[in-house]
Amino acid sequence: MKIFELKCEAYLKSDIDLKNSFDVLSKFINHSIYKNEICEQNDKNNHIKNYCFGNFYPTESDRIYKKNRVYGFVIRSINEDFIDALSGSLKQNINNSFISILKITKKQIEQFFIKELYTVTPVIVTDKIDESGRQLYWSLDYNGDMIALQKQLQNNLKRKLKQFYPEDIEVSNNFIHEIKNLNQYILKNSRIAKNN
């Protein structure tokens, strides 16, 4: 399996708070996807989104990405046609009030096996949209139900497995054996508080 990566350089037209940055990037990428006919066709067929993206980097010490500065972010997918189409569409998305793409570099990554994974944000799970239209994400403080999180992740993995292997594969066990919350701190109003 090959992984295709777009390394993007983005010029910010407005300040973006770290807590809103995933939402801003997600909306920018989704708008770019829906502008492209190939991407629209994939979405119409109810396929899962075979891509992932990372946040802006580098992170600012005050947790606010600054207007008139350039930041990087990465998008990855196993679908090269999708990546090629998205590359052009991202560059054409010039009317966004937050982001303008300056440069995109495509890279191919060969499959490799991961023995251990350490990350600050290992999983981001969308939950629902609040009254103001902002996408909410699962958190222990907000939702608190680890079993519901595990079930949602398991169902998502089953859908992805079916897309790769169209024939019915019986899944008798959970892919996920255990989820541990090792973070004892949560972010509240840009201050860190100990989670009891």
C-alpha atoms as a PDB file:
ATOM      1  CA  MET A   1       0.000   0.000   0.000  1.00  0.00           C
ATOM      2  CA  LYS A   2       1.245   3.462  -0.887  1.00  0.00           C
ATOM      3  CA  ILE A   3       0.406   6.653   0.952  1.00  0.00           C
ATOM      4  CA  PHE A   4       0.296   9.979  -0.869  1.00  0.00           C
ATOM      5  CA  GLU A   5       0.988  13.181   1.024  1.00  0.00           C
ATOM      6  CA  LEU A   6       0.335  16.823   0.228  1.00  0.00           C
ATOM      7  CA  LYS A   7       2.590  19.156   2.194  1.00  0.00           C
ATOM      8  CA  CYS A   8       0.829  22.521   2.058  1.00  0.00           C
ATOM      9  CA  GLU A   9       2.103  26.003   2.851  1.00  0.00           C
ATOM     10  CA  ALA A  10      -0.766  28.243   3.923  1.00  0.00           C
ATOM     11  CA  TYR A  11      -0.828  32.025   4.257  1.00  0.00           C
ATOM     12  CA  LEU A  12      -3.227  33.091   7.024  1.00  0.00           C
ATOM     13  CA  LYS A  13      -5.554  35.992   6.285  1.00  0.00           C
ATOM     14  CA  SER A  14      -6.798  36.128   9.897  1.00  0.00           C
ATOM     15  CA  ASP A  15      -5.612  35.113  13.350  1.00  0.00           C
ATOM     16  CA  ILE A  16      -6.790  31.579  14.212  1.00  0.00           C
ATOM     17  CA  ASP A  17      -6.992  30.317  17.786  1.00  0.00           C
ATOM     18  CA  LEU A  18      -5.558  26.817  18.243  1.00  0.00           C
ATOM     19  CA  LYS A  19      -8.891  25.529  19.594  1.00  0.00           C
ATOM     20  CA  ASN A  20     -10.607  26.573  16.323  1.00  0.00           C
ATOM     21  CA  SER A  21      -7.831  25.568  13.930  1.00  0.00           C
ATOM     22  CA  PHE A  22      -9.037  22.014  13.160  1.00  0.00           C
ATOM     23  CA  ASP A  23     -12.510  23.363  12.404  1.00  0.00           C
ATOM     24  CA  VAL A  24     -11.096  26.053  10.074  1.00  0.00           C
ATOM     25  CA  LEU A  25      -8.846  23.548   8.271  1.00  0.00           C
ATOM     26  CA  SER A  26     -11.606  20.949   8.016  1.00  0.00           C
ATOM     27  CA  LYS A  27     -14.016  23.435   6.448  1.00  0.00           C
ATOM     28  CA  PHE A  28     -11.323  24.676   4.051  1.00  0.00           C
ATOM     29  CA  ILE A  29     -10.478  21.139   2.915  1.00  0.00           C
ATOM     30  CA  ASN A  30     -14.151  20.092   2.645  1.00  0.00           C
ATOM     31  CA  HIS A  31     -14.989  23.163   0.560  1.00  0.00           C
ATOM     32  CA  SER A  32     -12.060  22.345  -1.726  1.00  0.00           C
ATOM     33  CA  ILE A  33     -13.261  18.741  -2.016  1.00  0.00           C
ATOM     34  CA  TYR A  34     -16.813  19.679  -2.974  1.00  0.00           C
ATOM     35  CA  LYS A  35     -15.547  22.038  -5.695  1.00  0.00           C
ATOM     36  CA  ASN A  36     -13.946  19.084  -7.477  1.00  0.00           C
ATOM     37  CA  GLU A  37     -16.152  16.734  -9.538  1.00  0.00           C
ATOM     38  CA  ILE A  38     -14.051  13.619  -8.815  1.00  0.00           C
ATOM     39  CA  CYS A  39     -14.261  14.257  -5.104  1.00  0.00           C
ATOM     40  CA  GLU A  40     -17.992  14.985  -5.334  1.00  0.00           C
ATOM     41  CA  GLN A  41     -18.549  11.641  -7.053  1.00  0.00           C
ATOM     42  CA  ASN A  42     -16.753   9.785  -4.263  1.00  0.00           C
ATOM     43  CA  ASP A  43     -18.858  11.588  -1.678  1.00  0.00           C
ATOM     44  CA  LYS A  44     -22.108  10.851  -3.557  1.00  0.00           C
ATOM     45  CA  ASN A  45     -21.262   7.160  -3.437  1.00  0.00           C
ATOM     46  CA  ASN A  46     -21.231   7.385   0.391  1.00  0.00           C
ATOM     47  CA  HIS A  47     -17.611   6.333   0.609  1.00  0.00           C
ATOM     48  CA  ILE A  48     -15.709   7.144   3.759  1.00  0.00           C
ATOM     49  CA  LYS A  49     -13.243   9.976   3.538  1.00  0.00           C
ATOM     50  CA  ASN A  50      -9.961   8.253   2.757  1.00  0.00           C
ATOM     51  CA  TYR A  51      -7.782  11.071   3.953  1.00  0.00           C
ATOM     52  CA  CYS A  52      -6.458  12.573   7.134  1.00  0.00           C
ATOM     53  CA  PHE A  53      -4.860  15.920   7.874  1.00  0.00           C
ATOM     54  CA  GLY A  54      -2.712  17.474  10.538  1.00  0.00           C
ATOM     55  CA  ASN A  55      -2.950  20.874  12.162  1.00  0.00           C
ATOM     56  CA  PHE A  56      -0.902  23.953  11.299  1.00  0.00           C
ATOM     57  CA  TYR A  57       2.749  23.894  12.246  1.00  0.00           C
ATOM     58  CA  PRO A  58       4.734  25.308  13.883  1.00  0.00           C
ATOM     59  CA  THR A  59       2.490  25.911  16.879  1.00  0.00           C
ATOM     60  CA  GLU A  60       2.690  29.395  18.373  1.00  0.00           C
ATOM     61  CA  SER A  61       3.582  29.677  22.076  1.00  0.00           C
ATOM     62  CA  ASP A  62       0.437  31.737  22.772  1.00  0.00           C
ATOM     63  CA  ARG A  63      -1.688  29.166  20.864  1.00  0.00           C
ATOM     64  CA  ILE A  64      -2.811  31.689  18.245  1.00  0.00           C
ATOM     65  CA  TYR A  65      -1.755  31.240  14.634  1.00  0.00           C
ATOM     66  CA  LYS A  66      -0.942  34.725  13.337  1.00  0.00           C
ATOM     67  CA  LYS A  67      -2.417  36.669  10.442  1.00  0.00           C
ATOM     68  CA  ASN A  68       0.044  37.341   7.561  1.00  0.00           C
ATOM     69  CA  ARG A  69       2.267  34.381   8.492  1.00  0.00           C
ATOM     70  CA  VAL A  70       2.882  31.142   6.630  1.00  0.00           C
ATOM     71  CA  TYR A  71       2.203  27.758   8.283  1.00  0.00           C
ATOM     72  CA  GLY A  72       2.398  24.219   7.033  1.00  0.00           C
ATOM     73  CA  PHE A  73      -0.106  21.389   7.231  1.00  0.00           C
ATOM     74  CA  VAL A  74      -0.214  17.900   5.736  1.00  0.00           C
ATOM     75  CA  ILE A  75      -2.980  15.879   4.061  1.00  0.00           C
ATOM     76  CA  ARG A  76      -2.532  12.139   3.436  1.00  0.00           C
ATOM     77  CA  SER A  77      -4.528   9.561   1.486  1.00  0.00           C
ATOM     78  CA  ILE A  78      -4.057   6.165  -0.131  1.00  0.00           C
ATOM     79  CA  ASN A  79      -5.981   7.366  -3.208  1.00  0.00           C
ATOM     80  CA  GLU A  80      -3.564   9.096  -5.606  1.00  0.00           C
ATOM     81  CA  ASP A  81      -6.337  10.347  -7.931  1.00  0.00           C
ATOM     82  CA  PHE A  82      -8.031  11.998  -4.952  1.00  0.00           C
ATOM     83  CA  ILE A  83      -4.751  13.629  -3.829  1.00  0.00           C
ATOM     84  CA  ASP A  84      -4.048  14.939  -7.344  1.00  0.00           C
ATOM     85  CA  ALA A  85      -7.560  16.384  -7.677  1.00  0.00           C
ATOM     86  CA  LEU A  86      -7.456  17.885  -4.178  1.00  0.00           C
ATOM     87  CA  SER A  87      -4.079  19.511  -4.860  1.00  0.00           C
ATOM     88  CA  GLY A  88      -5.545  21.567  -7.705  1.00  0.00           C
ATOM     89  CA  SER A  89      -8.743  22.342  -5.829  1.00  0.00           C
ATOM     90  CA  LEU A  90      -6.923  23.585  -2.707  1.00  0.00           C
ATOM     91  CA  LYS A  91      -4.972  26.077  -4.813  1.00  0.00           C
ATOM     92  CA  GLN A  92      -8.194  27.343  -6.434  1.00  0.00           C
ATOM     93  CA  ASN A  93      -9.924  27.926  -3.078  1.00  0.00           C
ATOM     94  CA  ILE A  94      -8.875  31.613  -2.934  1.00  0.00           C
ATOM     95  CA  ASN A  95     -12.043  33.175  -1.490  1.00  0.00           C
ATOM     96  CA  ASN A  96     -11.633  31.610   1.953  1.00  0.00           C
ATOM     97  CA  SER A  97     -11.491  34.278   4.667  1.00  0.00           C
ATOM     98  CA  PHE A  98      -8.835  32.435   6.709  1.00  0.00           C
ATOM     99  CA  ILE A  99      -6.446  30.563   4.399  1.00  0.00           C
ATOM    100  CA  SER A 100      -4.717  30.932   1.050  1.00  0.00           C
ATOM    101  CA  ILE A 101      -2.486  28.136  -0.263  1.00  0.00           C
ATOM    102  CA  LEU A 102       0.929  29.300  -1.469  1.00  0.00           C
ATOM    103  CA  LYS A 103       2.593  25.998  -2.305  1.00  0.00           C
ATOM    104  CA  ILE A 104       1.784  22.280  -2.376  1.00  0.00           C
ATOM    105  CA  THR A 105       4.327  19.488  -2.611  1.00  0.00           C
ATOM    106  CA  LYS A 106       3.227  15.909  -3.314  1.00  0.00           C
ATOM    107  CA  LYS A 107       5.193  13.014  -1.841  1.00  0.00           C
ATOM    108  CA  GLN A 108       4.752   9.236  -1.972  1.00  0.00           C
ATOM    109  CA  ILE A 109       5.364   7.258   1.211  1.00  0.00           C
ATOM    110  CA  GLU A 110       5.898   3.522   1.125  1.00  0.00           C
ATOM    111  CA  GLN A 111       4.047   1.439   3.694  1.00  0.00           C
ATOM    112  CA  PHE A 112       5.922   0.822   6.901  1.00  0.00           C
ATOM    113  CA  PHE A 113       4.988  -0.899  10.117  1.00  0.00           C
ATOM    114  CA  ILE A 114       4.574   1.017  13.345  1.00  0.00           C
ATOM    115  CA  LYS A 115       5.666  -0.697  16.562  1.00  0.00           C
ATOM    116  CA  GLU A 116       4.576   2.045  18.973  1.00  0.00           C
ATOM    117  CA  LEU A 117       2.768   5.320  18.618  1.00  0.00           C
ATOM    118  CA  TYR A 118       3.088   8.314  20.924  1.00  0.00           C
ATOM    119  CA  THR A 119       1.066  11.405  20.152  1.00  0.00           C
ATOM    120  CA  VAL A 120      -0.662  14.305  21.862  1.00  0.00           C
ATOM    121  CA  THR A 121      -3.891  13.805  19.888  1.00  0.00           C
ATOM    122  CA  PRO A 122      -4.056  10.107  18.951  1.00  0.00           C
ATOM    123  CA  VAL A 123      -7.721  10.170  17.936  1.00  0.00           C
ATOM    124  CA  ILE A 124     -10.091  12.973  17.066  1.00  0.00           C
ATOM    125  CA  VAL A 125     -13.702  11.841  16.833  1.00  0.00           C
ATOM    126  CA  THR A 126     -16.418  14.155  15.568  1.00  0.00           C
ATOM    127  CA  ASP A 127     -19.486  14.155  17.771  1.00  0.00           C
ATOM    128  CA  LYS A 128     -22.105  16.665  16.671  1.00  0.00           C
ATOM    129  CA  ILE A 129     -22.584  20.257  15.597  1.00  0.00           C
ATOM    130  CA  ASP A 130     -23.514  22.799  18.270  1.00  0.00           C
ATOM    131  CA  GLU A 131     -26.112  25.585  18.021  1.00  0.00           C
ATOM    132  CA  SER A 132     -23.622  28.006  16.446  1.00  0.00           C
ATOM    133  CA  GLY A 133     -22.685  25.540  13.676  1.00  0.00           C
ATOM    134  CA  ARG A 134     -19.281  24.553  15.109  1.00  0.00           C
ATOM    135  CA  GLN A 135     -18.224  20.916  14.888  1.00  0.00           C
ATOM    136  CA  LEU A 136     -17.826  19.363  18.349  1.00  0.00           C
ATOM    137  CA  TYR A 137     -15.301  16.633  19.044  1.00  0.00           C
ATOM    138  CA  TRP A 138     -15.415  13.848  21.613  1.00  0.00           C
ATOM    139  CA  SER A 139     -13.645  14.593  24.882  1.00  0.00           C
ATOM    140  CA  LEU A 140     -13.712  12.965  28.300  1.00  0.00           C
ATOM    141  CA  ASP A 141     -14.811  16.230  29.888  1.00  0.00           C
ATOM    142  CA  TYR A 142     -17.597  16.856  27.362  1.00  0.00           C
ATOM    143  CA  ASN A 143     -18.917  13.329  26.680  1.00  0.00           C
ATOM    144  CA  GLY A 144     -17.327  11.138  29.323  1.00  0.00           C
ATOM    145  CA  ASP A 145     -18.497   7.797  27.896  1.00  0.00           C
ATOM    146  CA  MET A 146     -15.453   5.699  26.961  1.00  0.00           C
ATOM    147  CA  ILE A 147     -17.640   2.732  25.890  1.00  0.00           C
ATOM    148  CA  ALA A 148     -19.538   4.954  23.420  1.00  0.00           C
ATOM    149  CA  LEU A 149     -16.197   6.215  22.064  1.00  0.00           C
ATOM    150  CA  GLN A 150     -14.918   2.653  21.631  1.00  0.00           C
ATOM    151  CA  LYS A 151     -18.150   1.628  19.866  1.00  0.00           C
ATOM    152  CA  GLN A 152     -17.963   4.636  17.518  1.00  0.00           C
ATOM    153  CA  LEU A 153     -14.321   3.866  16.658  1.00  0.00           C
ATOM    154  CA  GLN A 154     -15.133   0.171  16.123  1.00  0.00           C
ATOM    155  CA  ASN A 155     -18.025   0.995  13.760  1.00  0.00           C
ATOM    156  CA  ASN A 156     -15.827   3.426  11.826  1.00  0.00           C
ATOM    157  CA  LEU A 157     -13.120   0.762  11.431  1.00  0.00           C
ATOM    158  CA  LYS A 158     -15.710  -1.766  10.186  1.00  0.00           C
ATOM    159  CA  ARG A 159     -16.929   0.694   7.524  1.00  0.00           C
ATOM    160  CA  LYS A 160     -13.350   1.302   6.388  1.00  0.00           C
ATOM    161  CA  LEU A 161     -12.611  -2.414   6.289  1.00  0.00           C
ATOM    162  CA  LYS A 162     -15.671  -2.998   4.075  1.00  0.00           C
ATOM    163  CA  GLN A 163     -14.483  -0.337   1.660  1.00  0.00           C
ATOM    164  CA  PHE A 164     -11.103  -2.051   1.246  1.00  0.00           C
ATOM    165  CA  TYR A 165     -12.572  -5.565   1.148  1.00  0.00           C
ATOM    166  CA  PRO A 166     -16.006  -5.419  -0.535  1.00  0.00           C
ATOM    167  CA  GLU A 167     -16.734  -9.078   0.191  1.00  0.00           C
ATOM    168  CA  ASP A 168     -18.353  -9.667   3.557  1.00  0.00           C
ATOM    169  CA  ILE A 169     -15.790 -10.310   6.253  1.00  0.00           C
ATOM    170  CA  GLU A 170     -17.133 -11.534   9.554  1.00  0.00           C
ATOM    171  CA  VAL A 171     -15.822  -9.366  12.373  1.00  0.00           C
ATOM    172  CA  SER A 172     -16.353 -11.335  15.543  1.00  0.00           C
ATOM    173  CA  ASN A 173     -14.065  -9.451  17.921  1.00  0.00           C
ATOM    174  CA  ASN A 174     -13.419  -5.849  18.753  1.00  0.00           C
ATOM    175  CA  PHE A 175     -10.392  -4.358  17.031  1.00  0.00           C
ATOM    176  CA  ILE A 176      -9.892  -2.208  20.098  1.00  0.00           C
ATOM    177  CA  HIS A 177      -9.044  -4.111  23.251  1.00  0.00           C
ATOM    178  CA  GLU A 178      -8.542  -1.181  25.593  1.00  0.00           C
ATOM    179  CA  ILE A 179      -8.633   2.603  25.648  1.00  0.00           C
ATOM    180  CA  LYS A 180      -6.803   4.439  28.413  1.00  0.00           C
ATOM    181  CA  ASN A 181      -6.994   8.126  29.168  1.00  0.00           C
ATOM    182  CA  LEU A 182      -3.460   8.954  30.224  1.00  0.00           C
ATOM    183  CA  ASN A 183      -3.979  12.715  30.087  1.00  0.00           C
ATOM    184  CA  GLN A 184      -4.919  14.087  33.487  1.00  0.00           C
ATOM    185  CA  TYR A 185      -5.215  17.637  32.182  1.00  0.00           C
ATOM    186  CA  ILE A 186      -7.871  19.276  30.047  1.00  0.00           C
ATOM    187  CA  LEU A 187      -7.900  22.608  28.254  1.00  0.00           C
ATOM    188  CA  LYS A 188     -10.489  25.036  29.643  1.00  0.00           C
ATOM    189  CA  ASN A 189     -10.725  28.605  28.359  1.00  0.00           C
ATOM    190  CA  SER A 190      -7.049  28.554  27.271  1.00  0.00           C
ATOM    191  CA  ARG A 191      -5.938  27.513  30.758  1.00  0.00           C
ATOM    192  CA  ILE A 192      -4.851  24.053  31.792  1.00  0.00           C
ATOM    193  CA  ALA A 193      -6.760  22.544  34.699  1.00  0.00           C
ATOM    194  CA  LYS A 194      -6.216  19.183  36.392  1.00  0.00           C
ATOM    195  CA  ASN A 195      -8.910  16.660  35.440  1.00  0.00           C
ATOM    196  CA  ASN A 196     -10.187  14.955  38.624  1.00  0.00           C
END
